[in-house]
């Protein structure tokens, strides 16, 4: 089982994760996309990463908005797995240059 992060570790990690915040025992971020197809594409890509990690998000989608909660239920809170998935999701959400 993965260890739950200490308050100090969590505070430091959040400083390096712009857009993410603590929501109780979960990390929370709301991603905004220009339309539903782009939001759904992000979710599909994130789902593949989450499946490889065997670490699945709680999420909610309406049109171009994807709200994500990350927590490690077995540890009862936020762990390094949540941070890794948050970073991966941030990378997937970054705009890509066309061409």
PDB file of N, CA and C in Angstrom:
ATOM      1  N   UNK A   1       0.846  -1.193   0.000  1.00  0.00           N
ATOM      2  CA  UNK A   1       0.000   0.000   0.000  1.00  0.00           C
ATOM      3  C   UNK A   1       0.882   1.244   0.000  1.00  0.00           C
ATOM      4  N   UNK A   2       0.465   2.250  -0.708  1.00  0.00           N
ATOM      5  CA  UNK A   2       1.184   3.512  -0.789  1.00  0.00           C
ATOM      6  C   UNK A   2       0.899   4.340   0.456  1.00  0.00           C
ATOM      7  N   UNK A   3       1.928   5.027   0.934  1.00  0.00           N
ATOM      8  CA  UNK A   3       1.793   5.851   2.141  1.00  0.00           C
ATOM      9  C   UNK A   3       1.127   7.184   1.834  1.00  0.00           C
ATOM     10  N   UNK A   4       0.261   7.591   2.722  1.00  0.00           N
ATOM     11  CA  UNK A   4      -0.381   8.906   2.652  1.00  0.00           C
ATOM     12  C   UNK A   4       0.675   9.986   2.871  1.00  0.00           C
ATOM     13  N   UNK A   5       0.587  11.088   2.129  1.00  0.00           N
ATOM     14  CA  UNK A   5       1.555  12.176   2.264  1.00  0.00           C
ATOM     15  C   UNK A   5       1.328  12.938   3.564  1.00  0.00           C
ATOM     16  N   UNK A   6       2.429  13.422   4.144  1.00  0.00           N
ATOM     17  CA  UNK A   6       2.316  14.281   5.318  1.00  0.00           C
ATOM     18  C   UNK A   6       1.841  15.657   4.870  1.00  0.00           C
ATOM     19  N   UNK A   7       1.414  16.468   5.816  1.00  0.00           N
ATOM     20  CA  UNK A   7       0.976  17.836   5.499  1.00  0.00           C
ATOM     21  C   UNK A   7       2.097  18.620   4.822  1.00  0.00           C
ATOM     22  N   UNK A   8       3.314  18.465   5.309  1.00  0.00           N
ATOM     23  CA  UNK A   8       4.461  19.172   4.740  1.00  0.00           C
ATOM     24  C   UNK A   8       4.718  18.721   3.308  1.00  0.00           C
ATOM     25  N   UNK A   9       4.682  17.409   3.071  1.00  0.00           N
ATOM     26  CA  UNK A   9       4.886  16.887   1.720  1.00  0.00           C
ATOM     27  C   UNK A   9       3.795  17.375   0.770  1.00  0.00           C
ATOM     28  N   UNK A  10       2.576  17.374   1.245  1.00  0.00           N
ATOM     29  CA  UNK A  10       1.453  17.796   0.419  1.00  0.00           C
ATOM     30  C   UNK A  10       1.537  19.282   0.081  1.00  0.00           C
ATOM     31  N   UNK A  11       1.872  20.102   1.063  1.00  0.00           N
ATOM     32  CA  UNK A  11       2.014  21.539   0.829  1.00  0.00           C
ATOM     33  C   UNK A  11       3.093  21.811  -0.209  1.00  0.00           C
ATOM     34  N   UNK A  12       4.221  21.128  -0.087  1.00  0.00           N
ATOM     35  CA  UNK A  12       5.306  21.291  -1.059  1.00  0.00           C
ATOM     36  C   UNK A  12       4.908  20.836  -2.449  1.00  0.00           C
ATOM     37  N   UNK A  13       4.199  19.730  -2.526  1.00  0.00           N
ATOM     38  CA  UNK A  13       3.776  19.199  -3.821  1.00  0.00           C
ATOM     39  C   UNK A  13       2.785  20.128  -4.502  1.00  0.00           C
ATOM     40  N   UNK A  14       1.868  20.681  -3.751  1.00  0.00           N
ATOM     41  CA  UNK A  14       0.869  21.581  -4.335  1.00  0.00           C
ATOM     42  C   UNK A  14       1.501  22.850  -4.896  1.00  0.00           C
ATOM     43  N   UNK A  15       2.614  23.267  -4.323  1.00  0.00           N
ATOM     44  CA  UNK A  15       3.318  24.440  -4.840  1.00  0.00           C
ATOM     45  C   UNK A  15       3.812  24.196  -6.265  1.00  0.00           C
ATOM     46  N   UNK A  16       4.046  22.927  -6.614  1.00  0.00           N
ATOM     47  CA  UNK A  16       4.528  22.557  -7.948  1.00  0.00           C
ATOM     48  C   UNK A  16       3.417  22.053  -8.868  1.00  0.00           C
ATOM     49  N   UNK A  17       2.166  22.165  -8.422  1.00  0.00           N
ATOM     50  CA  UNK A  17       1.024  21.714  -9.220  1.00  0.00           C
ATOM     51  C   UNK A  17       0.005  22.846  -9.380  1.00  0.00           C
ATOM     52  N   UNK A  18       0.317  23.836 -10.223  1.00  0.00           N
ATOM     53  CA  UNK A  18      -0.609  24.951 -10.395  1.00  0.00           C
ATOM     54  C   UNK A  18      -1.976  24.452 -10.868  1.00  0.00           C
ATOM     55  N   UNK A  19      -3.003  25.024 -10.307  1.00  0.00           N
ATOM     56  CA  UNK A  19      -4.356  24.655 -10.686  1.00  0.00           C
ATOM     57  C   UNK A  19      -4.965  23.591  -9.788  1.00  0.00           C
ATOM     58  N   UNK A  20      -4.137  22.845  -9.096  1.00  0.00           N
ATOM     59  CA  UNK A  20      -4.608  21.816  -8.173  1.00  0.00           C
ATOM     60  C   UNK A  20      -4.718  22.401  -6.779  1.00  0.00           C
ATOM     61  N   UNK A  21      -5.704  21.927  -6.029  1.00  0.00           N
ATOM     62  CA  UNK A  21      -5.834  22.336  -4.631  1.00  0.00           C
ATOM     63  C   UNK A  21      -6.338  21.152  -3.828  1.00  0.00           C
ATOM     64  N   UNK A  22      -6.213  21.293  -2.560  1.00  0.00           N
ATOM     65  CA  UNK A  22      -6.695  20.251  -1.656  1.00  0.00           C
ATOM     66  C   UNK A  22      -8.188  20.457  -1.408  1.00  0.00           C
ATOM     67  N   UNK A  23      -8.915  19.365  -1.432  1.00  0.00           N
ATOM     68  CA  UNK A  23     -10.341  19.367  -1.119  1.00  0.00           C
ATOM     69  C   UNK A  23     -10.560  18.206  -0.150  1.00  0.00           C
ATOM     70  N   UNK A  24     -10.354  18.473   1.135  1.00  0.00           N
ATOM     71  CA  UNK A  24     -10.410  17.411   2.136  1.00  0.00           C
ATOM     72  C   UNK A  24      -9.265  16.434   1.939  1.00  0.00           C
ATOM     73  N   UNK A  25      -9.580  15.164   1.745  1.00  0.00           N
ATOM     74  CA  UNK A  25      -8.558  14.136   1.533  1.00  0.00           C
ATOM     75  C   UNK A  25      -8.337  13.844   0.058  1.00  0.00           C
ATOM     76  N   UNK A  26      -8.642  14.831  -0.788  1.00  0.00           N
ATOM     77  CA  UNK A  26      -8.507  14.665  -2.235  1.00  0.00           C
ATOM     78  C   UNK A  26      -7.811  15.864  -2.846  1.00  0.00           C
ATOM     79  N   UNK A  27      -7.206  15.634  -4.011  1.00  0.00           N
ATOM     80  CA  UNK A  27      -6.729  16.730  -4.846  1.00  0.00           C
ATOM     81  C   UNK A  27      -7.843  17.068  -5.816  1.00  0.00           C
ATOM     82  N   UNK A  28      -8.009  18.341  -6.113  1.00  0.00           N
ATOM     83  CA  UNK A  28      -9.072  18.785  -7.014  1.00  0.00           C
ATOM     84  C   UNK A  28      -8.512  19.735  -8.063  1.00  0.00           C
ATOM     85  N   UNK A  29      -8.925  19.524  -9.294  1.00  0.00           N
ATOM     86  CA  UNK A  29      -8.633  20.484 -10.358  1.00  0.00           C
ATOM     87  C   UNK A  29      -9.788  20.463 -11.339  1.00  0.00           C
ATOM     88  N   UNK A  30     -10.085  21.634 -11.861  1.00  0.00           N
ATOM     89  CA  UNK A  30     -11.096  21.753 -12.907  1.00  0.00           C
ATOM     90  C   UNK A  30     -10.389  22.188 -14.182  1.00  0.00           C
ATOM     91  N   UNK A  31     -10.448  21.337 -15.190  1.00  0.00           N
ATOM     92  CA  UNK A  31      -9.855  21.621 -16.490  1.00  0.00           C
ATOM     93  C   UNK A  31     -10.926  22.218 -17.397  1.00  0.00           C
ATOM     94  N   UNK A  32     -10.546  23.232 -18.170  1.00  0.00           N
ATOM     95  CA  UNK A  32     -11.460  23.870 -19.125  1.00  0.00           C
ATOM     96  C   UNK A  32     -10.935  23.634 -20.544  1.00  0.00           C
ATOM     97  N   UNK A  33     -11.822  23.178 -21.417  1.00  0.00           N
ATOM     98  CA  UNK A  33     -11.483  22.930 -22.810  1.00  0.00           C
ATOM     99  C   UNK A  33     -12.471  23.698 -23.691  1.00  0.00           C
ATOM    100  N   UNK A  34     -12.120  23.924 -24.943  1.00  0.00           N
ATOM    101  CA  UNK A  34     -12.983  24.744 -25.799  1.00  0.00           C
ATOM    102  C   UNK A  34     -14.320  24.090 -26.158  1.00  0.00           C
ATOM    103  N   UNK A  35     -14.394  22.761 -26.059  1.00  0.00           N
ATOM    104  CA  UNK A  35     -15.623  22.080 -26.444  1.00  0.00           C
ATOM    105  C   UNK A  35     -15.653  20.672 -25.845  1.00  0.00           C
ATOM    106  N   UNK A  36     -16.773  20.000 -26.044  1.00  0.00           N
ATOM    107  CA  UNK A  36     -16.973  18.662 -25.489  1.00  0.00           C
ATOM    108  C   UNK A  36     -16.011  17.637 -26.079  1.00  0.00           C
ATOM    109  N   UNK A  37     -15.776  17.697 -27.380  1.00  0.00           N
ATOM    110  CA  UNK A  37     -14.901  16.719 -28.019  1.00  0.00           C
ATOM    111  C   UNK A  37     -13.485  16.800 -27.454  1.00  0.00           C
ATOM    112  N   UNK A  38     -12.983  18.000 -27.253  1.00  0.00           N
ATOM    113  CA  UNK A  38     -11.651  18.171 -26.685  1.00  0.00           C
ATOM    114  C   UNK A  38     -11.610  17.666 -25.245  1.00  0.00           C
ATOM    115  N   UNK A  39     -12.635  17.985 -24.471  1.00  0.00           N
ATOM    116  CA  UNK A  39     -12.712  17.507 -23.088  1.00  0.00           C
ATOM    117  C   UNK A  39     -12.768  15.985 -23.041  1.00  0.00           C
ATOM    118  N   UNK A  40     -13.562  15.398 -23.912  1.00  0.00           N
ATOM    119  CA  UNK A  40     -13.695  13.946 -23.934  1.00  0.00           C
ATOM    120  C   UNK A  40     -12.397  13.287 -24.394  1.00  0.00           C
ATOM    121  N   UNK A  41     -11.711  13.906 -25.345  1.00  0.00           N
ATOM    122  CA  UNK A  41     -10.406  13.402 -25.783  1.00  0.00           C
ATOM    123  C   UNK A  41      -9.406  13.392 -24.642  1.00  0.00           C
ATOM    124  N   UNK A  42      -9.404  14.465 -23.844  1.00  0.00           N
ATOM    125  CA  UNK A  42      -8.544  14.519 -22.663  1.00  0.00           C
ATOM    126  C   UNK A  42      -8.880  13.377 -21.712  1.00  0.00           C
ATOM    127  N   UNK A  43     -10.170  13.158 -21.483  1.00  0.00           N
ATOM    128  CA  UNK A  43     -10.583  12.098 -20.567  1.00  0.00           C
ATOM    129  C   UNK A  43     -10.162  10.719 -21.090  1.00  0.00           C
ATOM    130  N   UNK A  44     -10.284  10.508 -22.387  1.00  0.00           N
ATOM    131  CA  UNK A  44      -9.881   9.225 -22.968  1.00  0.00           C
ATOM    132  C   UNK A  44      -8.378   8.999 -22.801  1.00  0.00           C
ATOM    133  N   UNK A  45      -7.588  10.033 -23.069  1.00  0.00           N
ATOM    134  CA  UNK A  45      -6.136   9.917 -22.914  1.00  0.00           C
ATOM    135  C   UNK A  45      -5.763   9.700 -21.447  1.00  0.00           C
ATOM    136  N   UNK A  46      -6.410  10.439 -20.550  1.00  0.00           N
ATOM    137  CA  UNK A  46      -6.142  10.301 -19.116  1.00  0.00           C
ATOM    138  C   UNK A  46      -6.559   8.916 -18.616  1.00  0.00           C
ATOM    139  N   UNK A  47      -7.634   8.379 -19.171  1.00  0.00           N
ATOM    140  CA  UNK A  47      -8.095   7.049 -18.765  1.00  0.00           C
ATOM    141  C   UNK A  47      -7.048   5.991 -19.097  1.00  0.00           C
ATOM    142  N   UNK A  48      -6.382   6.120 -20.236  1.00  0.00           N
ATOM    143  CA  UNK A  48      -5.341   5.150 -20.594  1.00  0.00           C
ATOM    144  C   UNK A  48      -4.161   5.215 -19.625  1.00  0.00           C
ATOM    145  N   UNK A  49      -3.777   6.428 -19.258  1.00  0.00           N
ATOM    146  CA  UNK A  49      -2.690   6.609 -18.281  1.00  0.00           C
ATOM    147  C   UNK A  49      -3.111   6.046 -16.931  1.00  0.00           C
ATOM    148  N   UNK A  50      -4.317   6.375 -16.486  1.00  0.00           N
ATOM    149  CA  UNK A  50      -4.811   5.909 -15.187  1.00  0.00           C
ATOM    150  C   UNK A  50      -4.870   4.382 -15.145  1.00  0.00           C
ATOM    151  N   UNK A  51      -5.296   3.774 -16.230  1.00  0.00           N
ATOM    152  CA  UNK A  51      -5.379   2.305 -16.278  1.00  0.00           C
ATOM    153  C   UNK A  51      -3.989   1.682 -16.177  1.00  0.00           C
ATOM    154  N   UNK A  52      -3.012   2.256 -16.888  1.00  0.00           N
ATOM    155  CA  UNK A  52      -1.628   1.751 -16.792  1.00  0.00           C
ATOM    156  C   UNK A  52      -1.100   1.871 -15.362  1.00  0.00           C
ATOM    157  N   UNK A  53      -1.512   2.948 -14.678  1.00  0.00           N
ATOM    158  CA  UNK A  53      -1.067   3.165 -13.292  1.00  0.00           C
ATOM    159  C   UNK A  53      -1.902   2.358 -12.299  1.00  0.00           C
ATOM    160  N   UNK A  54      -3.027   1.808 -12.763  1.00  0.00           N
ATOM    161  CA  UNK A  54      -3.999   1.155 -11.884  1.00  0.00           C
ATOM    162  C   UNK A  54      -4.416   2.119 -10.767  1.00  0.00           C
ATOM    163  N   UNK A  55      -4.663   3.355 -11.184  1.00  0.00           N
ATOM    164  CA  UNK A  55      -5.031   4.411 -10.238  1.00  0.00           C
ATOM    165  C   UNK A  55      -6.049   5.311 -10.935  1.00  0.00           C
ATOM    166  N   UNK A  56      -7.296   5.184 -10.559  1.00  0.00           N
ATOM    167  CA  UNK A  56      -8.388   5.766 -11.329  1.00  0.00           C
ATOM    168  C   UNK A  56      -8.985   7.001 -10.657  1.00  0.00           C
ATOM    169  N   UNK A  57      -9.225   8.056 -11.445  1.00  0.00           N
ATOM    170  CA  UNK A  57      -9.758   9.301 -10.891  1.00  0.00           C
ATOM    171  C   UNK A  57     -11.257   9.228 -10.643  1.00  0.00           C
ATOM    172  N   UNK A  58     -11.709  10.129  -9.803  1.00  0.00           N
ATOM    173  CA  UNK A  58     -13.128  10.440  -9.707  1.00  0.00           C
ATOM    174  C   UNK A  58     -13.273  11.694 -10.559  1.00  0.00           C
ATOM    175  N   UNK A  59     -14.165  11.673 -11.542  1.00  0.00           N
ATOM    176  CA  UNK A  59     -14.277  12.851 -12.386  1.00  0.00           C
ATOM    177  C   UNK A  59     -15.687  13.065 -12.877  1.00  0.00           C
ATOM    178  N   UNK A  60     -15.906  14.285 -13.350  1.00  0.00           N
ATOM    179  CA  UNK A  60     -17.222  14.728 -13.774  1.00  0.00           C
ATOM    180  C   UNK A  60     -17.028  15.626 -14.984  1.00  0.00           C
ATOM    181  N   UNK A  61     -17.828  15.417 -16.022  1.00  0.00           N
ATOM    182  CA  UNK A  61     -17.684  16.189 -17.250  1.00  0.00           C
ATOM    183  C   UNK A  61     -19.008  16.811 -17.660  1.00  0.00           C
ATOM    184  N   UNK A  62     -18.964  18.099 -17.941  1.00  0.00           N
ATOM    185  CA  UNK A  62     -20.069  18.803 -18.591  1.00  0.00           C
ATOM    186  C   UNK A  62     -19.460  19.661 -19.686  1.00  0.00           C
ATOM    187  N   UNK A  63     -19.862  19.416 -20.906  1.00  0.00           N
ATOM    188  CA  UNK A  63     -19.396  20.116 -22.094  1.00  0.00           C
ATOM    189  C   UNK A  63     -17.867  20.228 -22.092  1.00  0.00           C
ATOM    190  N   UNK A  64     -17.296  21.416 -21.914  1.00  0.00           N
ATOM    191  CA  UNK A  64     -15.855  21.596 -21.976  1.00  0.00           C
ATOM    192  C   UNK A  64     -15.162  21.581 -20.629  1.00  0.00           C
ATOM    193  N   UNK A  65     -15.867  21.217 -19.581  1.00  0.00           N
ATOM    194  CA  UNK A  65     -15.297  21.202 -18.230  1.00  0.00           C
ATOM    195  C   UNK A  65     -15.126  19.768 -17.746  1.00  0.00           C
ATOM    196  N   UNK A  66     -13.943  19.480 -17.211  1.00  0.00           N
ATOM    197  CA  UNK A  66     -13.684  18.192 -16.567  1.00  0.00           C
ATOM    198  C   UNK A  66     -13.192  18.489 -15.158  1.00  0.00           C
ATOM    199  N   UNK A  67     -13.959  18.082 -14.157  1.00  0.00           N
ATOM    200  CA  UNK A  67     -13.579  18.256 -12.749  1.00  0.00           C
ATOM    201  C   UNK A  67     -13.020  16.918 -12.252  1.00  0.00           C
ATOM    202  N   UNK A  68     -11.810  16.967 -11.699  1.00  0.00           N
ATOM    203  CA  UNK A  68     -11.097  15.759 -11.291  1.00  0.00           C
ATOM    204  C   UNK A  68     -10.812  15.794  -9.794  1.00  0.00           C
ATOM    205  N   UNK A  69     -11.120  14.704  -9.124  1.00  0.00           N
ATOM    206  CA  UNK A  69     -10.705  14.464  -7.739  1.00  0.00           C
ATOM    207  C   UNK A  69      -9.772  13.268  -7.740  1.00  0.00           C
ATOM    208  N   UNK A  70      -8.635  13.408  -7.076  1.00  0.00           N
ATOM    209  CA  UNK A  70      -7.689  12.302  -6.943  1.00  0.00           C
ATOM    210  C   UNK A  70      -7.468  11.989  -5.474  1.00  0.00           C
ATOM    211  N   UNK A  71      -7.551  10.723  -5.129  1.00  0.00           N
ATOM    212  CA  UNK A  71      -7.270  10.252  -3.779  1.00  0.00           C
ATOM    213  C   UNK A  71      -6.903   8.781  -3.871  1.00  0.00           C
ATOM    214  N   UNK A  72      -6.211   8.293  -2.887  1.00  0.00           N
ATOM    215  CA  UNK A  72      -5.880   6.870  -2.818  1.00  0.00           C
ATOM    216  C   UNK A  72      -6.708   6.281  -1.692  1.00  0.00           C
ATOM    217  N   UNK A  73      -7.776   5.608  -2.060  1.00  0.00           N
ATOM    218  CA  UNK A  73      -8.727   5.099  -1.069  1.00  0.00           C
ATOM    219  C   UNK A  73      -8.070   4.152  -0.074  1.00  0.00           C
ATOM    220  N   UNK A  74      -7.172   3.283  -0.557  1.00  0.00           N
ATOM    221  CA  UNK A  74      -6.509   2.326   0.334  1.00  0.00           C
ATOM    222  C   UNK A  74      -5.684   3.014   1.419  1.00  0.00           C
ATOM    223  N   UNK A  75      -5.156   4.201   1.110  1.00  0.00           N
ATOM    224  CA  UNK A  75      -4.322   4.936   2.070  1.00  0.00           C
ATOM    225  C   UNK A  75      -5.147   5.948   2.864  1.00  0.00           C
ATOM    226  N   UNK A  76      -6.383   6.167   2.472  1.00  0.00           N
ATOM    227  CA  UNK A  76      -7.228   7.115   3.182  1.00  0.00           C
ATOM    228  C   UNK A  76      -6.867   8.562   2.933  1.00  0.00           C
ATOM    229  N   UNK A  77      -6.292   8.855   1.778  1.00  0.00           N
ATOM    230  CA  UNK A  77      -5.937  10.236   1.477  1.00  0.00           C
ATOM    231  C   UNK A  77      -5.041  10.352   0.262  1.00  0.00           C
ATOM    232  N   UNK A  78      -4.291  11.423   0.204  1.00  0.00           N
ATOM    233  CA  UNK A  78      -3.469  11.768  -0.955  1.00  0.00           C
ATOM    234  C   UNK A  78      -2.089  11.137  -0.825  1.00  0.00           C
ATOM    235  N   UNK A  79      -1.657  10.477  -1.924  1.00  0.00           N
ATOM    236  CA  UNK A  79      -0.357   9.805  -1.944  1.00  0.00           C
ATOM    237  C   UNK A  79       0.439  10.248  -3.163  1.00  0.00           C
ATOM    238  N   UNK A  80       1.622   9.717  -3.276  1.00  0.00           N
ATOM    239  CA  UNK A  80       2.455   9.979  -4.446  1.00  0.00           C
ATOM    240  C   UNK A  80       1.804   9.542  -5.742  1.00  0.00           C
ATOM    241  N   UNK A  81       0.966   8.513  -5.709  1.00  0.00           N
ATOM    242  CA  UNK A  81       0.243   8.081  -6.908  1.00  0.00           C
ATOM    243  C   UNK A  81      -0.667   9.195  -7.413  1.00  0.00           C
ATOM    244  N   UNK A  82      -1.312   9.887  -6.498  1.00  0.00           N
ATOM    245  CA  UNK A  82      -2.192  10.993  -6.886  1.00  0.00           C
ATOM    246  C   UNK A  82      -1.391  12.113  -7.527  1.00  0.00           C
ATOM    247  N   UNK A  83      -0.232  12.402  -6.975  1.00  0.00           N
ATOM    248  CA  UNK A  83       0.618  13.449  -7.547  1.00  0.00           C
ATOM    249  C   UNK A  83       1.077  13.061  -8.947  1.00  0.00           C
ATOM    250  N   UNK A  84       1.459  11.798  -9.124  1.00  0.00           N
ATOM    251  CA  UNK A  84       1.917  11.333 -10.434  1.00  0.00           C
ATOM    252  C   UNK A  84       0.797  11.430 -11.469  1.00  0.00           C
ATOM    253  N   UNK A  85      -0.408  11.040 -11.094  1.00  0.00           N
ATOM    254  CA  UNK A  85      -1.522  11.128 -12.032  1.00  0.00           C
ATOM    255  C   UNK A  85      -1.886  12.588 -12.308  1.00  0.00           C
ATOM    256  N   UNK A  86      -1.813  13.453 -11.305  1.00  0.00           N
ATOM    257  CA  UNK A  86      -2.073  14.879 -11.509  1.00  0.00           C
ATOM    258  C   UNK A  86      -1.084  15.456 -12.515  1.00  0.00           C
ATOM    259  N   UNK A  87       0.191  15.124 -12.371  1.00  0.00           N
ATOM    260  CA  UNK A  87       1.208  15.630 -13.309  1.00  0.00           C
ATOM    261  C   UNK A  87       0.952  15.117 -14.725  1.00  0.00           C
ATOM    262  N   UNK A  88       0.590  13.851 -14.829  1.00  0.00           N
ATOM    263  CA  UNK A  88       0.294  13.274 -16.143  1.00  0.00           C
ATOM    264  C   UNK A  88      -0.903  13.975 -16.777  1.00  0.00           C
ATOM    265  N   UNK A  89      -1.934  14.228 -15.994  1.00  0.00           N
ATOM    266  CA  UNK A  89      -3.120  14.917 -16.509  1.00  0.00           C
ATOM    267  C   UNK A  89      -2.772  16.339 -16.945  1.00  0.00           C
ATOM    268  N   UNK A  90      -1.941  17.015 -16.178  1.00  0.00           N
ATOM    269  CA  UNK A  90      -1.508  18.360 -16.564  1.00  0.00           C
ATOM    270  C   UNK A  90      -0.819  18.319 -17.924  1.00  0.00           C
ATOM    271  N   UNK A  91       0.039  17.327 -18.118  1.00  0.00           N
ATOM    272  CA  UNK A  91       0.739  17.187 -19.402  1.00  0.00           C
ATOM    273  C   UNK A  91      -0.222  16.933 -20.549  1.00  0.00           C
ATOM    274  N   UNK A  92      -1.240  16.121 -20.319  1.00  0.00           N
ATOM    275  CA  UNK A  92      -2.220  15.832 -21.355  1.00  0.00           C
ATOM    276  C   UNK A  92      -3.077  17.052 -21.691  1.00  0.00           C
ATOM    277  N   UNK A  93      -3.290  17.920 -20.724  1.00  0.00           N
ATOM    278  CA  UNK A  93      -4.169  19.078 -20.908  1.00  0.00           C
ATOM    279  C   UNK A  93      -3.453  20.257 -21.559  1.00  0.00           C
ATOM    280  N   UNK A  94      -2.126  20.239 -21.613  1.00  0.00           N
ATOM    281  CA  UNK A  94      -1.384  21.357 -22.202  1.00  0.00           C
ATOM    282  C   UNK A  94      -1.713  21.468 -23.679  1.00  0.00           C
ATOM    283  N   UNK A  95      -1.926  22.686 -24.144  1.00  0.00           N
ATOM    284  CA  UNK A  95      -2.195  22.868 -25.574  1.00  0.00           C
ATOM    285  C   UNK A  95      -1.004  22.414 -26.421  1.00  0.00           C
ATOM    286  N   UNK A  96      -1.305  21.752 -27.492  1.00  0.00           N
ATOM    287  CA  UNK A  96      -0.262  21.275 -28.408  1.00  0.00           C
ATOM    288  C   UNK A  96      -0.208  22.195 -29.626  1.00  0.00           C
ATOM    289  N   UNK A  97       1.015  22.534 -30.060  1.00  0.00           N
ATOM    290  CA  UNK A  97       1.114  23.351 -31.273  1.00  0.00           C
ATOM    291  C   UNK A  97       0.630  22.545 -32.494  1.00  0.00           C
ATOM    292  N   UNK A  98      -0.003  23.218 -33.416  1.00  0.00           N
ATOM    293  CA  UNK A  98      -0.459  22.573 -34.641  1.00  0.00           C
ATOM    294  C   UNK A  98       0.629  22.628 -35.682  1.00  0.00           C
ATOM    295  N   UNK A  99       0.665  21.617 -36.539  1.00  0.00           N
ATOM    296  CA  UNK A  99       1.608  21.692 -37.651  1.00  0.00           C
ATOM    297  C   UNK A  99       2.497  20.532 -37.779  1.00  0.00           C
TER     298      UNK A  99
END
